[in-house]
Amino acid sequence: MRKQRSIGEMISTVTFFGLSAYLLIFSLGLLEEGEKLRGTIGLLAAACCGFGGLRFVIADFVAKWREN
Protein backbone atom coordinates (compact mmCIF):
# COMPACT_ATOMS: atom_id res chain seq x y z
CA MET A 1 0.00 0.00 0.00
CA ARG A 2 1.39 3.37 -1.04
CA LYS A 3 1.04 6.22 1.40
CA GLN A 4 2.73 9.06 -0.45
CA ARG A 5 0.99 10.59 -3.45
CA SER A 6 2.52 12.73 -6.16
CA ILE A 7 1.49 16.34 -6.79
CA GLY A 8 -0.20 15.27 -10.03
CA GLU A 9 -2.27 12.66 -8.23
CA MET A 10 -3.36 15.21 -5.63
CA ILE A 11 -4.28 17.73 -8.32
CA SER A 12 -6.34 15.17 -10.24
CA THR A 13 -8.10 14.10 -7.02
CA VAL A 14 -9.10 17.70 -6.24
CA THR A 15 -10.21 18.12 -9.85
CA PHE A 16 -12.40 15.01 -9.65
CA PHE A 17 -14.06 16.26 -6.46
CA GLY A 18 -14.52 19.78 -7.83
CA LEU A 19 -16.10 18.53 -11.04
CA SER A 20 -18.29 16.17 -9.05
CA ALA A 21 -19.60 19.04 -6.93
CA TYR A 22 -20.22 21.21 -10.01
CA LEU A 23 -22.04 18.42 -11.84
CA LEU A 24 -24.16 17.66 -8.79
CA ILE A 25 -25.34 21.27 -8.47
CA PHE A 26 -25.84 21.67 -12.23
CA SER A 27 -27.72 18.38 -12.55
CA LEU A 28 -30.03 19.14 -9.64
CA GLY A 29 -30.86 22.42 -11.38
CA LEU A 30 -31.67 20.53 -14.57
CA LEU A 31 -33.95 18.19 -12.66
CA GLU A 32 -35.79 21.16 -11.13
CA GLU A 33 -36.29 22.57 -14.62
CA GLY A 34 -37.87 19.31 -15.72
CA GLU A 35 -34.99 17.97 -17.82
CA LYS A 36 -35.05 14.50 -16.32
CA LEU A 37 -32.77 12.70 -18.77
CA ARG A 38 -29.99 15.30 -18.75
CA GLY A 39 -30.28 15.69 -14.98
CA THR A 40 -30.08 11.96 -14.37
CA ILE A 41 -27.10 11.53 -16.68
CA GLY A 42 -25.42 14.46 -14.93
CA LEU A 43 -26.00 12.86 -11.53
CA LEU A 44 -24.47 9.64 -12.83
CA ALA A 45 -21.46 11.59 -14.10
CA ALA A 46 -21.17 13.37 -10.73
CA ALA A 47 -21.14 10.01 -8.95
CA CYS A 48 -18.48 8.67 -11.31
CA CYS A 49 -16.30 11.73 -10.70
CA GLY A 50 -16.78 11.28 -6.96
CA PHE A 51 -15.63 7.67 -7.26
CA GLY A 52 -12.68 8.90 -9.31
CA GLY A 53 -11.70 11.18 -6.45
CA LEU A 54 -11.93 8.22 -4.08
CA ARG A 55 -9.92 5.91 -6.34
CA PHE A 56 -7.03 5.50 -3.91
CA VAL A 57 -9.35 4.82 -0.98
CA ILE A 58 -11.22 2.25 -3.08
CA ALA A 59 -7.95 0.62 -4.21
CA ASP A 60 -6.74 0.35 -0.59
CA PHE A 61 -10.08 -1.16 0.45
CA VAL A 62 -9.97 -3.73 -2.37
CA ALA A 63 -6.36 -4.63 -1.52
CA LYS A 64 -7.27 -5.21 2.14
CA TRP A 65 -10.36 -7.16 1.12
CA ARG A 66 -8.30 -9.45 -1.15
CA GLU A 67 -5.82 -10.15 1.66
CA ASN A 68 -8.60 -11.65 3.80
PDB file of N, CA and C in Angstrom:
ATOM      1  N   MET A   1       0.836  -1.193   0.000  1.00  0.00           N
ATOM      2  CA  MET A   1       0.000   0.000   0.000  1.00  0.00           C
ATOM      3  C   MET A   1       0.880   1.255   0.000  1.00  0.00           C
ATOM      4  N   ARG A   2       0.658   2.107  -0.970  1.00  0.00           N
ATOM      5  CA  ARG A   2       1.394   3.367  -1.038  1.00  0.00           C
ATOM      6  C   ARG A   2       0.757   4.390  -0.132  1.00  0.00           C
ATOM      7  N   LYS A   3       1.572   5.146   0.546  1.00  0.00           N
ATOM      8  CA  LYS A   3       1.036   6.217   1.403  1.00  0.00           C
ATOM      9  C   LYS A   3       1.279   7.597   0.803  1.00  0.00           C
ATOM     10  N   GLN A   4       2.383   7.750   0.080  1.00  0.00           N
ATOM     11  CA  GLN A   4       2.726   9.059  -0.448  1.00  0.00           C
ATOM     12  C   GLN A   4       2.188   9.214  -1.867  1.00  0.00           C
ATOM     13  N   ARG A   5       1.561  10.318  -2.123  1.00  0.00           N
ATOM     14  CA  ARG A   5       0.992  10.593  -3.447  1.00  0.00           C
ATOM     15  C   ARG A   5       1.774  11.728  -4.104  1.00  0.00           C
ATOM     16  N   SER A   6       1.827  11.677  -5.433  1.00  0.00           N
ATOM     17  CA  SER A   6       2.522  12.734  -6.161  1.00  0.00           C
ATOM     18  C   SER A   6       1.634  13.977  -6.251  1.00  0.00           C
ATOM     19  N   ILE A   7       2.242  15.078  -6.619  1.00  0.00           N
ATOM     20  CA  ILE A   7       1.492  16.338  -6.789  1.00  0.00           C
ATOM     21  C   ILE A   7       0.427  16.171  -7.873  1.00  0.00           C
ATOM     22  N   GLY A   8       0.763  15.483  -8.946  1.00  0.00           N
ATOM     23  CA  GLY A   8      -0.196  15.269 -10.027  1.00  0.00           C
ATOM     24  C   GLY A   8      -1.401  14.469  -9.586  1.00  0.00           C
ATOM     25  N   GLU A   9      -1.162  13.460  -8.743  1.00  0.00           N
ATOM     26  CA  GLU A   9      -2.266  12.664  -8.228  1.00  0.00           C
ATOM     27  C   GLU A   9      -3.161  13.492  -7.311  1.00  0.00           C
ATOM     28  N   MET A  10      -2.558  14.344  -6.517  1.00  0.00           N
ATOM     29  CA  MET A  10      -3.355  15.207  -5.632  1.00  0.00           C
ATOM     30  C   MET A  10      -4.168  16.212  -6.437  1.00  0.00           C
ATOM     31  N   ILE A  11      -3.565  16.776  -7.482  1.00  0.00           N
ATOM     32  CA  ILE A  11      -4.283  17.734  -8.324  1.00  0.00           C
ATOM     33  C   ILE A  11      -5.459  17.054  -9.016  1.00  0.00           C
ATOM     34  N   SER A  12      -5.243  15.853  -9.550  1.00  0.00           N
ATOM     35  CA  SER A  12      -6.343  15.168 -10.238  1.00  0.00           C
ATOM     36  C   SER A  12      -7.448  14.775  -9.262  1.00  0.00           C
ATOM     37  N   THR A  13      -7.088  14.433  -8.026  1.00  0.00           N
ATOM     38  CA  THR A  13      -8.100  14.101  -7.022  1.00  0.00           C
ATOM     39  C   THR A  13      -8.967  15.314  -6.707  1.00  0.00           C
ATOM     40  N   VAL A  14      -8.350  16.470  -6.502  1.00  0.00           N
ATOM     41  CA  VAL A  14      -9.098  17.700  -6.237  1.00  0.00           C
ATOM     42  C   VAL A  14      -9.974  18.057  -7.435  1.00  0.00           C
ATOM     43  N   THR A  15      -9.444  17.842  -8.638  1.00  0.00           N
ATOM     44  CA  THR A  15     -10.212  18.120  -9.853  1.00  0.00           C
ATOM     45  C   THR A  15     -11.438  17.219  -9.947  1.00  0.00           C
ATOM     46  N   PHE A  16     -11.256  15.930  -9.651  1.00  0.00           N
ATOM     47  CA  PHE A  16     -12.400  15.009  -9.654  1.00  0.00           C
ATOM     48  C   PHE A  16     -13.473  15.474  -8.678  1.00  0.00           C
ATOM     49  N   PHE A  17     -13.077  15.826  -7.453  1.00  0.00           N
ATOM     50  CA  PHE A  17     -14.063  16.255  -6.457  1.00  0.00           C
ATOM     51  C   PHE A  17     -14.728  17.575  -6.849  1.00  0.00           C
ATOM     52  N   GLY A  18     -13.945  18.501  -7.404  1.00  0.00           N
ATOM     53  CA  GLY A  18     -14.516  19.777  -7.835  1.00  0.00           C
ATOM     54  C   GLY A  18     -15.523  19.601  -8.953  1.00  0.00           C
ATOM     55  N   LEU A  19     -15.177  18.779  -9.929  1.00  0.00           N
ATOM     56  CA  LEU A  19     -16.098  18.530 -11.038  1.00  0.00           C
ATOM     57  C   LEU A  19     -17.337  17.791 -10.556  1.00  0.00           C
ATOM     58  N   SER A  20     -17.146  16.882  -9.614  1.00  0.00           N
ATOM     59  CA  SER A  20     -18.286  16.165  -9.047  1.00  0.00           C
ATOM     60  C   SER A  20     -19.258  17.130  -8.377  1.00  0.00           C
ATOM     61  N   ALA A  21     -18.745  18.064  -7.599  1.00  0.00           N
ATOM     62  CA  ALA A  21     -19.601  19.042  -6.927  1.00  0.00           C
ATOM     63  C   ALA A  21     -20.326  19.922  -7.947  1.00  0.00           C
ATOM     64  N   TYR A  22     -19.606  20.375  -8.976  1.00  0.00           N
ATOM     65  CA  TYR A  22     -20.218  21.210 -10.011  1.00  0.00           C
ATOM     66  C   TYR A  22     -21.329  20.452 -10.730  1.00  0.00           C
ATOM     67  N   LEU A  23     -21.035  19.204 -11.128  1.00  0.00           N
ATOM     68  CA  LEU A  23     -22.041  18.416 -11.840  1.00  0.00           C
ATOM     69  C   LEU A  23     -23.258  18.123 -10.974  1.00  0.00           C
ATOM     70  N   LEU A  24     -23.040  17.908  -9.701  1.00  0.00           N
ATOM     71  CA  LEU A  24     -24.158  17.657  -8.795  1.00  0.00           C
ATOM     72  C   LEU A  24     -25.092  18.864  -8.752  1.00  0.00           C
ATOM     73  N   ILE A  25     -24.525  20.046  -8.547  1.00  0.00           N
ATOM     74  CA  ILE A  25     -25.337  21.267  -8.475  1.00  0.00           C
ATOM     75  C   ILE A  25     -26.029  21.539  -9.804  1.00  0.00           C
ATOM     76  N   PHE A  26     -25.288  21.409 -10.896  1.00  0.00           N
ATOM     77  CA  PHE A  26     -25.842  21.669 -12.228  1.00  0.00           C
ATOM     78  C   PHE A  26     -26.964  20.677 -12.550  1.00  0.00           C
ATOM     79  N   SER A  27     -26.736  19.414 -12.240  1.00  0.00           N
ATOM     80  CA  SER A  27     -27.720  18.379 -12.554  1.00  0.00           C
ATOM     81  C   SER A  27     -28.983  18.526 -11.719  1.00  0.00           C
ATOM     82  N   LEU A  28     -28.839  18.899 -10.460  1.00  0.00           N
ATOM     83  CA  LEU A  28     -30.027  19.137  -9.642  1.00  0.00           C
ATOM     84  C   LEU A  28     -30.844  20.297 -10.202  1.00  0.00           C
ATOM     85  N   GLY A  29     -30.163  21.308 -10.729  1.00  0.00           N
ATOM     86  CA  GLY A  29     -30.857  22.415 -11.384  1.00  0.00           C
ATOM     87  C   GLY A  29     -31.613  21.958 -12.616  1.00  0.00           C
ATOM     88  N   LEU A  30     -30.987  21.072 -13.394  1.00  0.00           N
ATOM     89  CA  LEU A  30     -31.668  20.530 -14.571  1.00  0.00           C
ATOM     90  C   LEU A  30     -32.912  19.741 -14.173  1.00  0.00           C
ATOM     91  N   LEU A  31     -32.794  18.964 -13.107  1.00  0.00           N
ATOM     92  CA  LEU A  31     -33.953  18.189 -12.659  1.00  0.00           C
ATOM     93  C   LEU A  31     -35.087  19.095 -12.207  1.00  0.00           C
ATOM     94  N   GLU A  32     -34.755  20.204 -11.549  1.00  0.00           N
ATOM     95  CA  GLU A  32     -35.792  21.158 -11.129  1.00  0.00           C
ATOM     96  C   GLU A  32     -36.475  21.810 -12.311  1.00  0.00           C
ATOM     97  N   GLU A  33     -35.728  21.967 -13.414  1.00  0.00           N
ATOM     98  CA  GLU A  33     -36.294  22.570 -14.621  1.00  0.00           C
ATOM     99  C   GLU A  33     -37.081  21.558 -15.453  1.00  0.00           C
ATOM    100  N   GLY A  34     -37.100  20.321 -15.017  1.00  0.00           N
ATOM    101  CA  GLY A  34     -37.870  19.307 -15.725  1.00  0.00           C
ATOM    102  C   GLY A  34     -37.097  18.512 -16.757  1.00  0.00           C
ATOM    103  N   GLU A  35     -35.808  18.733 -16.865  1.00  0.00           N
ATOM    104  CA  GLU A  35     -34.993  17.975 -17.821  1.00  0.00           C
ATOM    105  C   GLU A  35     -34.477  16.714 -17.124  1.00  0.00           C
ATOM    106  N   LYS A  36     -35.344  15.700 -17.111  1.00  0.00           N
ATOM    107  CA  LYS A  36     -35.050  14.503 -16.323  1.00  0.00           C
ATOM    108  C   LYS A  36     -33.890  13.698 -16.889  1.00  0.00           C
ATOM    109  N   LEU A  37     -33.823  13.522 -18.181  1.00  0.00           N
ATOM    110  CA  LEU A  37     -32.767  12.701 -18.772  1.00  0.00           C
ATOM    111  C   LEU A  37     -31.395  13.340 -18.562  1.00  0.00           C
ATOM    112  N   ARG A  38     -31.275  14.613 -18.924  1.00  0.00           N
ATOM    113  CA  ARG A  38     -29.990  15.299 -18.750  1.00  0.00           C
ATOM    114  C   ARG A  38     -29.594  15.382 -17.279  1.00  0.00           C
ATOM    115  N   GLY A  39     -30.565  15.613 -16.412  1.00  0.00           N
ATOM    116  CA  GLY A  39     -30.281  15.686 -14.982  1.00  0.00           C
ATOM    117  C   GLY A  39     -29.812  14.364 -14.423  1.00  0.00           C
ATOM    118  N   THR A  40     -30.465  13.291 -14.844  1.00  0.00           N
ATOM    119  CA  THR A  40     -30.084  11.963 -14.370  1.00  0.00           C
ATOM    120  C   THR A  40     -28.705  11.565 -14.873  1.00  0.00           C
ATOM    121  N   ILE A  41     -28.426  11.839 -16.132  1.00  0.00           N
ATOM    122  CA  ILE A  41     -27.100  11.535 -16.680  1.00  0.00           C
ATOM    123  C   ILE A  41     -26.040  12.375 -15.968  1.00  0.00           C
ATOM    124  N   GLY A  42     -26.357  13.609 -15.666  1.00  0.00           N
ATOM    125  CA  GLY A  42     -25.424  14.461 -14.933  1.00  0.00           C
ATOM    126  C   GLY A  42     -25.150  13.947 -13.525  1.00  0.00           C
ATOM    127  N   LEU A  43     -26.190  13.440 -12.858  1.00  0.00           N
ATOM    128  CA  LEU A  43     -25.995  12.864 -11.528  1.00  0.00           C
ATOM    129  C   LEU A  43     -25.127  11.616 -11.595  1.00  0.00           C
ATOM    130  N   LEU A  44     -25.311  10.816 -12.634  1.00  0.00           N
ATOM    131  CA  LEU A  44     -24.467   9.637 -12.826  1.00  0.00           C
ATOM    132  C   LEU A  44     -23.009  10.056 -13.052  1.00  0.00           C
ATOM    133  N   ALA A  45     -22.816  11.089 -13.850  1.00  0.00           N
ATOM    134  CA  ALA A  45     -21.458  11.593 -14.096  1.00  0.00           C
ATOM    135  C   ALA A  45     -20.846  12.159 -12.812  1.00  0.00           C
ATOM    136  N   ALA A  46     -21.654  12.838 -12.002  1.00  0.00           N
ATOM    137  CA  ALA A  46     -21.166  13.366 -10.726  1.00  0.00           C
ATOM    138  C   ALA A  46     -20.727  12.231  -9.809  1.00  0.00           C
ATOM    139  N   ALA A  47     -21.499  11.162  -9.777  1.00  0.00           N
ATOM    140  CA  ALA A  47     -21.136  10.011  -8.945  1.00  0.00           C
ATOM    141  C   ALA A  47     -19.840   9.374  -9.447  1.00  0.00           C
ATOM    142  N   CYS A  48     -19.700   9.248 -10.751  1.00  0.00           N
ATOM    143  CA  CYS A  48     -18.478   8.665 -11.313  1.00  0.00           C
ATOM    144  C   CYS A  48     -17.260   9.527 -10.990  1.00  0.00           C
ATOM    145  N   CYS A  49     -17.409  10.833 -11.066  1.00  0.00           N
ATOM    146  CA  CYS A  49     -16.303  11.726 -10.700  1.00  0.00           C
ATOM    147  C   CYS A  49     -15.977  11.618  -9.216  1.00  0.00           C
ATOM    148  N   GLY A  50     -17.003  11.479  -8.396  1.00  0.00           N
ATOM    149  CA  GLY A  50     -16.778  11.283  -6.961  1.00  0.00           C
ATOM    150  C   GLY A  50     -16.006  10.003  -6.695  1.00  0.00           C
ATOM    151  N   PHE A  51     -16.376   8.923  -7.393  1.00  0.00           N
ATOM    152  CA  PHE A  51     -15.633   7.669  -7.257  1.00  0.00           C
ATOM    153  C   PHE A  51     -14.210   7.815  -7.779  1.00  0.00           C
ATOM    154  N   GLY A  52     -14.031   8.637  -8.813  1.00  0.00           N
ATOM    155  CA  GLY A  52     -12.679   8.901  -9.315  1.00  0.00           C
ATOM    156  C   GLY A  52     -11.828   9.592  -8.267  1.00  0.00           C
ATOM    157  N   GLY A  53     -12.433  10.508  -7.523  1.00  0.00           N
ATOM    158  CA  GLY A  53     -11.703  11.182  -6.446  1.00  0.00           C
ATOM    159  C   GLY A  53     -11.367  10.243  -5.299  1.00  0.00           C
ATOM    160  N   LEU A  54     -12.157   9.199  -5.149  1.00  0.00           N
ATOM    161  CA  LEU A  54     -11.933   8.220  -4.076  1.00  0.00           C
ATOM    162  C   LEU A  54     -11.155   6.996  -4.557  1.00  0.00           C
ATOM    163  N   ARG A  55     -10.540   7.092  -5.736  1.00  0.00           N
ATOM    164  CA  ARG A  55      -9.922   5.913  -6.342  1.00  0.00           C
ATOM    165  C   ARG A  55      -8.847   5.271  -5.478  1.00  0.00           C
ATOM    166  N   PHE A  56      -8.074   6.073  -4.744  1.00  0.00           N
ATOM    167  CA  PHE A  56      -7.026   5.498  -3.906  1.00  0.00           C
ATOM    168  C   PHE A  56      -7.618   4.829  -2.666  1.00  0.00           C
ATOM    169  N   VAL A  57      -8.666   5.415  -2.124  1.00  0.00           N
ATOM    170  CA  VAL A  57      -9.351   4.815  -0.983  1.00  0.00           C
ATOM    171  C   VAL A  57      -9.981   3.484  -1.403  1.00  0.00           C
ATOM    172  N   ILE A  58     -10.599   3.473  -2.570  1.00  0.00           N
ATOM    173  CA  ILE A  58     -11.220   2.253  -3.082  1.00  0.00           C
ATOM    174  C   ILE A  58     -10.156   1.189  -3.342  1.00  0.00           C
ATOM    175  N   ALA A  59      -9.030   1.577  -3.931  1.00  0.00           N
ATOM    176  CA  ALA A  59      -7.951   0.618  -4.209  1.00  0.00           C
ATOM    177  C   ALA A  59      -7.390   0.027  -2.919  1.00  0.00           C
ATOM    178  N   ASP A  60      -7.228   0.852  -1.884  1.00  0.00           N
ATOM    179  CA  ASP A  60      -6.743   0.350  -0.595  1.00  0.00           C
ATOM    180  C   ASP A  60      -7.748  -0.619   0.024  1.00  0.00           C
ATOM    181  N   PHE A  61      -9.042  -0.286  -0.081  1.00  0.00           N
ATOM    182  CA  PHE A  61     -10.084  -1.159   0.448  1.00  0.00           C
ATOM    183  C   PHE A  61     -10.080  -2.513  -0.268  1.00  0.00           C
ATOM    184  N   VAL A  62      -9.980  -2.488  -1.578  1.00  0.00           N
ATOM    185  CA  VAL A  62      -9.975  -3.727  -2.366  1.00  0.00           C
ATOM    186  C   VAL A  62      -8.733  -4.562  -2.024  1.00  0.00           C
ATOM    187  N   ALA A  63      -7.577  -3.906  -1.873  1.00  0.00           N
ATOM    188  CA  ALA A  63      -6.360  -4.633  -1.525  1.00  0.00           C
ATOM    189  C   ALA A  63      -6.490  -5.312  -0.156  1.00  0.00           C
ATOM    190  N   LYS A  64      -7.054  -4.613   0.807  1.00  0.00           N
ATOM    191  CA  LYS A  64      -7.272  -5.211   2.136  1.00  0.00           C
ATOM    192  C   LYS A  64      -8.297  -6.340   2.059  1.00  0.00           C
ATOM    193  N   TRP A  65      -9.322  -6.163   1.256  1.00  0.00           N
ATOM    194  CA  TRP A  65     -10.362  -7.164   1.120  1.00  0.00           C
ATOM    195  C   TRP A  65      -9.797  -8.442   0.492  1.00  0.00           C
ATOM    196  N   ARG A  66      -8.904  -8.295  -0.493  1.00  0.00           N
ATOM    197  CA  ARG A  66      -8.300  -9.451  -1.149  1.00  0.00           C
ATOM    198  C   ARG A  66      -7.329 -10.195  -0.225  1.00  0.00           C
ATOM    199  N   GLU A  67      -6.734  -9.493   0.715  1.00  0.00           N
ATOM    200  CA  GLU A  67      -5.819 -10.145   1.663  1.00  0.00           C
ATOM    201  C   GLU A  67      -6.574 -11.112   2.567  1.00  0.00           C
ATOM    202  N   ASN A  68      -7.804 -10.794   2.887  1.00  0.00           N
ATOM    203  CA  ASN A  68      -8.599 -11.653   3.797  1.00  0.00           C
ATOM    204  C   ASN A  68      -9.241 -12.733   3.078  1.00  0.00           C
TER     205      ASN A  68
END
